[in-house]
Amino acid sequence: MSEAAYDGFRLDLDASRERADIVLCRPPLNVISMAQRDQLREVFEQLDCDDRVRVIVLRAEGQHFSSGGQISGFLDTSPEVVSRLAWNIAAPARCHKPVIAANRGYCFGVGFELSLACDFRLVSDTCQYALPEQKLGQIPGSGGSARLQKMIGITRTKNIVMRSQRIDAVKAVDWGIATERFADANLEAATDALVDELRAFSPLAQRTAKKLLNDTEDTSLSIAIELEGHCYSRLRSSDDFREGVLAFGEKRAPKFTGT
């Protein structure tokens, strides 16, 4: 798919920094269309296979990340298409590479759900999270309530979903929804710093850690520990682990290759 065909977003790729930015750009509120959801999934899948990219950033132009989905699109869409919404929006979670969401202003509905599927959520002081579907006679349909319940528990999730309550940046960090909070003017610099931090680690260890944590979210403690042990054992024989041990002993920065 050519970049000219992207609906409501663009792709900025900086190979020198091993970084790709998916930028929502439908001002002023960056409303996400039905077609855009499927395109976003495709781009995440393409970037997952792109050796030039180590870290993916999901951000937006303007004062707001996204006010949510294009409401009229739901009435014009078949049940078959609607049933795939959660699969499309879960693309950041399925991606093997680290994905950072940079959120400011409104982050509602599918914008919130898309961010919840990312690995890190950096928020500015202006950020507000919400799942307002109850006001439309609906419920979140792209994984929002399910992911939130895993993160913050059923009581807080009911308060957000059933009352369409907005969560500010301070509460989002306190509750464990957001990773870190920054002054609005510092959000881009904080995102840049996290990208560079993640790039310094072994890409193989990063992929392994992400998959292990995602796969063991619903398992028992004993099974999670067992799987962790198997992953640890596999990494033990990797070139990156050997390089990491040698670099530690030689008191130098490691040069990881992802093998």
C-alpha atoms as a PDB file:
ATOM      1  CA  MET A   1       0.000   0.000   0.000  1.00  0.00           C
ATOM      2  CA  SER A   2       1.469   3.377  -1.016  1.00  0.00           C
ATOM      3  CA  GLU A   3       1.716   6.172   1.521  1.00  0.00           C
ATOM      4  CA  ALA A   4      -0.572   8.292  -0.636  1.00  0.00           C
ATOM      5  CA  ALA A   5      -3.356   5.797   0.078  1.00  0.00           C
ATOM      6  CA  TYR A   6      -3.140   6.111   3.862  1.00  0.00           C
ATOM      7  CA  ASP A   7      -6.426   7.353   5.307  1.00  0.00           C
ATOM      8  CA  GLY A   8      -5.931   9.860   8.122  1.00  0.00           C
ATOM      9  CA  PHE A   9      -2.308   9.056   8.969  1.00  0.00           C
ATOM     10  CA  ARG A  10       1.207   9.061   7.560  1.00  0.00           C
ATOM     11  CA  LEU A  11       4.350   7.032   8.082  1.00  0.00           C
ATOM     12  CA  ASP A  12       7.670   8.715   8.950  1.00  0.00           C
ATOM     13  CA  LEU A  13      10.646   6.347   8.773  1.00  0.00           C
ATOM     14  CA  ASP A  14      14.087   7.338  10.052  1.00  0.00           C
ATOM     15  CA  ALA A  15      16.422   4.435   9.246  1.00  0.00           C
ATOM     16  CA  SER A  16      19.401   6.222  10.803  1.00  0.00           C
ATOM     17  CA  ARG A  17      17.634   6.033  14.176  1.00  0.00           C
ATOM     18  CA  GLU A  18      15.963   2.670  13.477  1.00  0.00           C
ATOM     19  CA  ARG A  19      12.613   4.322  14.139  1.00  0.00           C
ATOM     20  CA  ALA A  20       9.229   4.475  12.428  1.00  0.00           C
ATOM     21  CA  ASP A  21       6.494   6.932  13.415  1.00  0.00           C
ATOM     22  CA  ILE A  22       2.838   6.302  12.597  1.00  0.00           C
ATOM     23  CA  VAL A  23       1.349   9.788  12.804  1.00  0.00           C
ATOM     24  CA  LEU A  24      -2.407  10.393  12.997  1.00  0.00           C
ATOM     25  CA  CYS A  25      -3.052  13.487  10.878  1.00  0.00           C
ATOM     26  CA  ARG A  26      -6.739  14.184  10.389  1.00  0.00           C
ATOM     27  CA  PRO A  27      -7.066  17.581  12.109  1.00  0.00           C
ATOM     28  CA  PRO A  28      -8.339  18.876  14.370  1.00  0.00           C
ATOM     29  CA  LEU A  29      -9.366  15.759  16.342  1.00  0.00           C
ATOM     30  CA  ASN A  30      -7.727  12.953  14.350  1.00  0.00           C
ATOM     31  CA  VAL A  31     -10.934  10.955  14.029  1.00  0.00           C
ATOM     32  CA  ILE A  32     -10.163   7.352  13.025  1.00  0.00           C
ATOM     33  CA  SER A  33     -12.215   6.001  10.115  1.00  0.00           C
ATOM     34  CA  MET A  34     -13.256   2.392   9.608  1.00  0.00           C
ATOM     35  CA  ALA A  35     -10.910   1.979   6.629  1.00  0.00           C
ATOM     36  CA  GLN A  36      -8.075   3.529   8.625  1.00  0.00           C
ATOM     37  CA  ARG A  37      -8.232   0.786  11.256  1.00  0.00           C
ATOM     38  CA  ASP A  38      -7.437  -1.898   8.702  1.00  0.00           C
ATOM     39  CA  GLN A  39      -4.692   0.227   7.149  1.00  0.00           C
ATOM     40  CA  LEU A  40      -3.081   0.792  10.533  1.00  0.00           C
ATOM     41  CA  ARG A  41      -2.975  -2.966  11.068  1.00  0.00           C
ATOM     42  CA  GLU A  42      -1.315  -3.462   7.691  1.00  0.00           C
ATOM     43  CA  VAL A  43       1.342  -0.837   8.422  1.00  0.00           C
ATOM     44  CA  PHE A  44       2.156  -2.351  11.817  1.00  0.00           C
ATOM     45  CA  GLU A  45       2.557  -5.741  10.151  1.00  0.00           C
ATOM     46  CA  GLN A  46       4.817  -4.271   7.458  1.00  0.00           C
ATOM     47  CA  LEU A  47       6.997  -2.484  10.011  1.00  0.00           C
ATOM     48  CA  ASP A  48       7.271  -5.667  12.040  1.00  0.00           C
ATOM     49  CA  CYS A  49       9.074  -7.229   9.052  1.00  0.00           C
ATOM     50  CA  ASP A  50      11.224  -4.185   8.248  1.00  0.00           C
ATOM     51  CA  ASP A  51      14.820  -4.734   9.391  1.00  0.00           C
ATOM     52  CA  ARG A  52      15.464  -0.997   9.335  1.00  0.00           C
ATOM     53  CA  VAL A  53      13.066  -0.446  12.245  1.00  0.00           C
ATOM     54  CA  ARG A  54      13.776  -1.246  15.891  1.00  0.00           C
ATOM     55  CA  VAL A  55      11.112   0.879  17.599  1.00  0.00           C
ATOM     56  CA  ILE A  56       7.669   2.078  16.460  1.00  0.00           C
ATOM     57  CA  VAL A  57       6.078   5.283  17.732  1.00  0.00           C
ATOM     58  CA  LEU A  58       2.359   6.003  17.486  1.00  0.00           C
ATOM     59  CA  ARG A  59       1.660   9.723  17.787  1.00  0.00           C
ATOM     60  CA  ALA A  60      -0.525  12.462  16.364  1.00  0.00           C
ATOM     61  CA  GLU A  61      -0.417  15.970  14.980  1.00  0.00           C
ATOM     62  CA  GLY A  62      -2.027  18.809  16.901  1.00  0.00           C
ATOM     63  CA  GLN A  63      -3.406  19.216  20.414  1.00  0.00           C
ATOM     64  CA  HIS A  64      -5.313  15.919  20.525  1.00  0.00           C
ATOM     65  CA  PHE A  65      -4.255  12.332  19.912  1.00  0.00           C
ATOM     66  CA  SER A  66      -7.733  11.246  18.764  1.00  0.00           C
ATOM     67  CA  SER A  67     -11.308  11.940  19.775  1.00  0.00           C
ATOM     68  CA  GLY A  68     -12.200   8.398  18.702  1.00  0.00           C
ATOM     69  CA  GLY A  69     -13.787   6.680  15.754  1.00  0.00           C
ATOM     70  CA  GLN A  70     -15.910   7.990  12.909  1.00  0.00           C
ATOM     71  CA  ILE A  71     -19.337   7.450  14.450  1.00  0.00           C
ATOM     72  CA  SER A  72     -21.330   7.327  11.214  1.00  0.00           C
ATOM     73  CA  GLY A  73     -19.115   4.528   9.958  1.00  0.00           C
ATOM     74  CA  PHE A  74     -20.569   2.041  12.422  1.00  0.00           C
ATOM     75  CA  LEU A  75     -24.060   2.222  10.928  1.00  0.00           C
ATOM     76  CA  ASP A  76     -22.674   1.742   7.422  1.00  0.00           C
ATOM     77  CA  THR A  77     -20.519  -1.265   8.274  1.00  0.00           C
ATOM     78  CA  SER A  78     -21.474  -4.942   8.171  1.00  0.00           C
ATOM     79  CA  PRO A  79     -21.347  -7.145  11.291  1.00  0.00           C
ATOM     80  CA  GLU A  80     -18.510  -9.110   9.677  1.00  0.00           C
ATOM     81  CA  VAL A  81     -16.341  -5.997   9.409  1.00  0.00           C
ATOM     82  CA  VAL A  82     -17.235  -4.837  12.914  1.00  0.00           C
ATOM     83  CA  SER A  83     -16.223  -8.222  14.323  1.00  0.00           C
ATOM     84  CA  ARG A  84     -12.655  -7.616  13.084  1.00  0.00           C
ATOM     85  CA  LEU A  85     -12.243  -4.267  14.816  1.00  0.00           C
ATOM     86  CA  ALA A  86     -10.497  -5.655  17.885  1.00  0.00           C
ATOM     87  CA  TRP A  87      -8.089  -7.701  15.732  1.00  0.00           C
ATOM     88  CA  ASN A  88      -7.030  -4.614  13.780  1.00  0.00           C
ATOM     89  CA  ILE A  89      -6.570  -2.476  16.878  1.00  0.00           C
ATOM     90  CA  ALA A  90      -4.535  -5.210  18.587  1.00  0.00           C
ATOM     91  CA  ALA A  91      -1.825  -4.926  15.912  1.00  0.00           C
ATOM     92  CA  PRO A  92       0.616  -3.039  18.210  1.00  0.00           C
ATOM     93  CA  ALA A  93       0.390  -5.832  20.782  1.00  0.00           C
ATOM     94  CA  ARG A  94       1.045  -8.528  18.164  1.00  0.00           C
ATOM     95  CA  CYS A  95       4.009  -6.608  16.757  1.00  0.00           C
ATOM     96  CA  HIS A  96       7.265  -8.118  17.987  1.00  0.00           C
ATOM     97  CA  LYS A  97       8.971  -4.732  18.277  1.00  0.00           C
ATOM     98  CA  PRO A  98       8.493  -2.191  21.073  1.00  0.00           C
ATOM     99  CA  VAL A  99       5.650   0.234  20.371  1.00  0.00           C
ATOM    100  CA  ILE A 100       5.364   3.607  22.118  1.00  0.00           C
ATOM    101  CA  ALA A 101       2.153   5.660  22.182  1.00  0.00           C
ATOM    102  CA  ALA A 102       2.635   9.401  22.750  1.00  0.00           C
ATOM    103  CA  ASN A 103      -0.696  10.766  24.003  1.00  0.00           C
ATOM    104  CA  ARG A 104      -1.806  14.346  24.527  1.00  0.00           C
ATOM    105  CA  GLY A 105      -5.223  15.988  24.680  1.00  0.00           C
ATOM    106  CA  TYR A 106      -8.240  13.840  23.870  1.00  0.00           C
ATOM    107  CA  CYS A 107      -7.491  10.128  23.684  1.00  0.00           C
ATOM    108  CA  PHE A 108     -10.984   8.698  23.458  1.00  0.00           C
ATOM    109  CA  GLY A 109     -12.666   5.567  22.157  1.00  0.00           C
ATOM    110  CA  VAL A 110     -10.613   3.720  19.570  1.00  0.00           C
ATOM    111  CA  GLY A 111      -7.763   6.196  20.088  1.00  0.00           C
ATOM    112  CA  PHE A 112      -7.563   5.017  23.692  1.00  0.00           C
ATOM    113  CA  GLU A 113      -7.971   1.369  22.687  1.00  0.00           C
ATOM    114  CA  LEU A 114      -5.174   1.636  20.135  1.00  0.00           C
ATOM    115  CA  SER A 115      -2.917   3.195  22.771  1.00  0.00           C
ATOM    116  CA  LEU A 116      -3.782   0.462  25.268  1.00  0.00           C
ATOM    117  CA  ALA A 117      -2.480  -2.111  22.764  1.00  0.00           C
ATOM    118  CA  CYS A 118       0.946  -0.416  22.777  1.00  0.00           C
ATOM    119  CA  ASP A 119       3.771  -1.332  25.140  1.00  0.00           C
ATOM    120  CA  PHE A 120       4.424   2.140  26.545  1.00  0.00           C
ATOM    121  CA  ARG A 121       2.055   5.079  26.948  1.00  0.00           C
ATOM    122  CA  LEU A 122       3.751   8.424  27.473  1.00  0.00           C
ATOM    123  CA  VAL A 123       1.267  11.173  28.331  1.00  0.00           C
ATOM    124  CA  SER A 124       1.450  14.929  28.487  1.00  0.00           C
ATOM    125  CA  ASP A 125      -0.277  16.896  31.226  1.00  0.00           C
ATOM    126  CA  THR A 126      -3.122  17.650  28.810  1.00  0.00           C
ATOM    127  CA  CYS A 127      -3.992  14.002  28.149  1.00  0.00           C
ATOM    128  CA  GLN A 128      -7.479  12.717  28.916  1.00  0.00           C
ATOM    129  CA  TYR A 129      -8.431   9.069  28.464  1.00  0.00           C
ATOM    130  CA  ALA A 130     -12.028   7.947  28.002  1.00  0.00           C
ATOM    131  CA  LEU A 131     -14.250   5.202  26.615  1.00  0.00           C
ATOM    132  CA  PRO A 132     -17.450   7.181  25.914  1.00  0.00           C
ATOM    133  CA  GLU A 133     -19.380   4.454  24.039  1.00  0.00           C
ATOM    134  CA  GLN A 134     -22.136   4.292  26.671  1.00  0.00           C
ATOM    135  CA  LYS A 135     -23.246   7.744  25.505  1.00  0.00           C
ATOM    136  CA  LEU A 136     -23.982   6.155  22.121  1.00  0.00           C
ATOM    137  CA  GLY A 137     -25.787   3.143  23.528  1.00  0.00           C
ATOM    138  CA  GLN A 138     -22.746   0.955  22.910  1.00  0.00           C
ATOM    139  CA  ILE A 139     -19.763  -0.584  24.653  1.00  0.00           C
ATOM    140  CA  PRO A 140     -16.064  -0.495  23.687  1.00  0.00           C
ATOM    141  CA  GLY A 141     -15.593  -2.878  20.776  1.00  0.00           C
ATOM    142  CA  SER A 142     -11.857  -2.916  20.114  1.00  0.00           C
ATOM    143  CA  GLY A 143     -10.463  -4.401  23.308  1.00  0.00           C
ATOM    144  CA  GLY A 144     -10.658  -1.337  25.538  1.00  0.00           C
ATOM    145  CA  SER A 145     -12.661  -2.693  28.452  1.00  0.00           C
ATOM    146  CA  ALA A 146     -10.844  -6.038  28.359  1.00  0.00           C
ATOM    147  CA  ARG A 147      -7.359  -4.503  28.400  1.00  0.00           C
ATOM    148  CA  LEU A 148      -8.292  -1.979  31.065  1.00  0.00           C
ATOM    149  CA  GLN A 149      -9.691  -4.640  33.367  1.00  0.00           C
ATOM    150  CA  LYS A 150      -6.390  -6.528  33.156  1.00  0.00           C
ATOM    151  CA  MET A 151      -4.482  -3.353  33.974  1.00  0.00           C
ATOM    152  CA  ILE A 152      -6.537  -1.708  36.701  1.00  0.00           C
ATOM    153  CA  GLY A 153      -9.160  -4.200  37.898  1.00  0.00           C
ATOM    154  CA  ILE A 154     -12.897  -4.527  37.504  1.00  0.00           C
ATOM    155  CA  THR A 155     -13.969  -1.749  39.909  1.00  0.00           C
ATOM    156  CA  ARG A 156     -12.040   1.039  38.212  1.00  0.00           C
ATOM    157  CA  THR A 157     -12.855  -0.329  34.758  1.00  0.00           C
ATOM    158  CA  LYS A 158     -16.584  -0.302  35.485  1.00  0.00           C
ATOM    159  CA  ASN A 159     -16.286   3.299  36.593  1.00  0.00           C
ATOM    160  CA  ILE A 160     -14.602   4.262  33.317  1.00  0.00           C
ATOM    161  CA  VAL A 161     -16.739   2.148  30.974  1.00  0.00           C
ATOM    162  CA  MET A 162     -20.196   2.244  32.553  1.00  0.00           C
ATOM    163  CA  ARG A 163     -20.048   5.953  33.456  1.00  0.00           C
ATOM    164  CA  SER A 164     -17.983   7.129  30.461  1.00  0.00           C
ATOM    165  CA  GLN A 165     -15.658   8.851  32.885  1.00  0.00           C
ATOM    166  CA  ARG A 166     -12.587  10.728  31.742  1.00  0.00           C
ATOM    167  CA  ILE A 167      -9.216   9.933  33.318  1.00  0.00           C
ATOM    168  CA  ASP A 168      -6.640  12.711  33.482  1.00  0.00           C
ATOM    169  CA  ALA A 169      -2.905  12.255  33.082  1.00  0.00           C
ATOM    170  CA  VAL A 170      -2.145  12.215  36.809  1.00  0.00           C
ATOM    171  CA  LYS A 171      -4.676   9.498  37.537  1.00  0.00           C
ATOM    172  CA  ALA A 172      -3.633   7.533  34.434  1.00  0.00           C
ATOM    173  CA  VAL A 173      -0.084   7.260  35.777  1.00  0.00           C
ATOM    174  CA  ASP A 174      -1.212   6.587  39.358  1.00  0.00           C
ATOM    175  CA  TRP A 175      -3.483   3.754  38.196  1.00  0.00           C
ATOM    176  CA  GLY A 176      -0.880   2.188  35.918  1.00  0.00           C
ATOM    177  CA  ILE A 177      -2.623   3.020  32.631  1.00  0.00           C
ATOM    178  CA  ALA A 178       0.123   5.383  31.492  1.00  0.00           C
ATOM    179  CA  THR A 179       3.839   4.722  31.802  1.00  0.00           C
ATOM    180  CA  GLU A 180       5.061   8.260  32.498  1.00  0.00           C
ATOM    181  CA  ARG A 181       3.724  11.833  32.479  1.00  0.00           C
ATOM    182  CA  PHE A 182       5.472  14.922  31.120  1.00  0.00           C
ATOM    183  CA  ALA A 183       4.835  18.602  30.553  1.00  0.00           C
ATOM    184  CA  ASP A 184       3.101  19.017  27.215  1.00  0.00           C
ATOM    185  CA  ALA A 185       6.105  20.765  25.663  1.00  0.00           C
ATOM    186  CA  ASN A 186       8.370  17.853  26.673  1.00  0.00           C
ATOM    187  CA  LEU A 187       6.372  14.957  25.238  1.00  0.00           C
ATOM    188  CA  GLU A 188       8.350  14.708  21.987  1.00  0.00           C
ATOM    189  CA  ALA A 189      11.715  14.871  23.781  1.00  0.00           C
ATOM    190  CA  ALA A 190      10.601  12.194  26.233  1.00  0.00           C
ATOM    191  CA  THR A 191       9.491   9.988  23.345  1.00  0.00           C
ATOM    192  CA  ASP A 192      12.833  10.478  21.592  1.00  0.00           C
ATOM    193  CA  ALA A 193      14.680   9.526  24.764  1.00  0.00           C
ATOM    194  CA  LEU A 194      12.661   6.336  25.237  1.00  0.00           C
ATOM    195  CA  VAL A 195      13.252   5.331  21.603  1.00  0.00           C
ATOM    196  CA  ASP A 196      17.015   5.685  22.069  1.00  0.00           C
ATOM    197  CA  GLU A 197      16.891   3.840  25.383  1.00  0.00           C
ATOM    198  CA  LEU A 198      15.070   0.876  23.839  1.00  0.00           C
ATOM    199  CA  ARG A 199      17.409   0.798  20.829  1.00  0.00           C
ATOM    200  CA  ALA A 200      20.359   0.260  23.162  1.00  0.00           C
ATOM    201  CA  PHE A 201      19.052  -3.126  24.289  1.00  0.00           C
ATOM    202  CA  SER A 202      19.288  -6.428  22.438  1.00  0.00           C
ATOM    203  CA  PRO A 203      16.459  -6.609  19.877  1.00  0.00           C
ATOM    204  CA  LEU A 204      16.271 -10.359  20.478  1.00  0.00           C
ATOM    205  CA  ALA A 205      15.892  -9.908  24.230  1.00  0.00           C
ATOM    206  CA  GLN A 206      13.309  -7.157  23.658  1.00  0.00           C
ATOM    207  CA  ARG A 207      11.204  -9.358  21.363  1.00  0.00           C
ATOM    208  CA  THR A 208      11.462 -12.247  23.792  1.00  0.00           C
ATOM    209  CA  ALA A 209      10.459 -10.142  26.797  1.00  0.00           C
ATOM    210  CA  LYS A 210       7.453  -8.627  25.020  1.00  0.00           C
ATOM    211  CA  LYS A 211       6.131 -11.966  23.805  1.00  0.00           C
ATOM    212  CA  LEU A 212       6.692 -13.644  27.165  1.00  0.00           C
ATOM    213  CA  LEU A 213       4.855 -10.919  29.078  1.00  0.00           C
ATOM    214  CA  ASN A 214       1.965 -10.864  26.601  1.00  0.00           C
ATOM    215  CA  ASP A 215       1.659 -14.657  26.510  1.00  0.00           C
ATOM    216  CA  THR A 216       1.747 -15.107  30.292  1.00  0.00           C
ATOM    217  CA  GLU A 217      -0.714 -12.336  31.177  1.00  0.00           C
ATOM    218  CA  ASP A 218      -3.549 -14.839  31.619  1.00  0.00           C
ATOM    219  CA  THR A 219      -1.562 -17.817  32.915  1.00  0.00           C
ATOM    220  CA  SER A 220      -0.920 -19.066  36.428  1.00  0.00           C
ATOM    221  CA  LEU A 221       2.238 -18.036  38.261  1.00  0.00           C
ATOM    222  CA  SER A 222       3.765 -21.503  37.970  1.00  0.00           C
ATOM    223  CA  ILE A 223       3.240 -21.653  34.189  1.00  0.00           C
ATOM    224  CA  ALA A 224       4.560 -18.094  33.760  1.00  0.00           C
ATOM    225  CA  ILE A 225       7.721 -18.988  35.676  1.00  0.00           C
ATOM    226  CA  GLU A 226       8.140 -22.154  33.608  1.00  0.00           C
ATOM    227  CA  LEU A 227       7.846 -20.231  30.324  1.00  0.00           C
ATOM    228  CA  GLU A 228      10.189 -17.554  31.616  1.00  0.00           C
ATOM    229  CA  GLY A 229      12.766 -20.241  32.296  1.00  0.00           C
ATOM    230  CA  HIS A 230      12.498 -21.626  28.764  1.00  0.00           C
ATOM    231  CA  CYS A 231      12.914 -18.130  27.280  1.00  0.00           C
ATOM    232  CA  TYR A 232      15.893 -17.477  29.531  1.00  0.00           C
ATOM    233  CA  SER A 233      17.470 -20.736  28.429  1.00  0.00           C
ATOM    234  CA  ARG A 234      17.035 -19.885  24.736  1.00  0.00           C
ATOM    235  CA  LEU A 235      18.597 -16.444  25.170  1.00  0.00           C
ATOM    236  CA  ARG A 236      21.491 -18.049  27.047  1.00  0.00           C
ATOM    237  CA  SER A 237      22.839 -19.379  23.735  1.00  0.00           C
ATOM    238  CA  SER A 238      22.364 -16.155  21.763  1.00  0.00           C
ATOM    239  CA  ASP A 239      25.130 -13.995  20.335  1.00  0.00           C
ATOM    240  CA  ASP A 240      23.591 -10.981  22.051  1.00  0.00           C
ATOM    241  CA  PHE A 241      23.848 -12.555  25.497  1.00  0.00           C
ATOM    242  CA  ARG A 242      27.493 -13.468  24.902  1.00  0.00           C
ATOM    243  CA  GLU A 243      28.172  -9.914  23.725  1.00  0.00           C
ATOM    244  CA  GLY A 244      26.374  -8.491  26.751  1.00  0.00           C
ATOM    245  CA  VAL A 245      28.451 -10.575  29.169  1.00  0.00           C
ATOM    246  CA  LEU A 246      31.712  -9.707  27.398  1.00  0.00           C
ATOM    247  CA  ALA A 247      30.845  -6.000  27.281  1.00  0.00           C
ATOM    248  CA  PHE A 248      30.011  -6.019  30.984  1.00  0.00           C
ATOM    249  CA  GLY A 249      33.347  -7.603  31.838  1.00  0.00           C
ATOM    250  CA  GLU A 250      35.250  -5.238  29.574  1.00  0.00           C
ATOM    251  CA  LYS A 251      33.357  -2.207  30.919  1.00  0.00           C
ATOM    252  CA  ARG A 252      32.156  -1.052  27.496  1.00  0.00           C
ATOM    253  CA  ALA A 253      28.822  -0.532  25.755  1.00  0.00           C
ATOM    254  CA  PRO A 254      27.563  -3.738  24.103  1.00  0.00           C
ATOM    255  CA  LYS A 255      27.025  -3.960  20.353  1.00  0.00           C
ATOM    256  CA  PHE A 256      23.957  -6.115  19.923  1.00  0.00           C
ATOM    257  CA  THR A 257      23.064  -7.661  16.573  1.00  0.00           C
ATOM    258  CA  GLY A 258      19.729  -9.327  17.367  1.00  0.00           C
ATOM    259  CA  THR A 259      21.039 -12.889  16.982  1.00  0.00           C
END
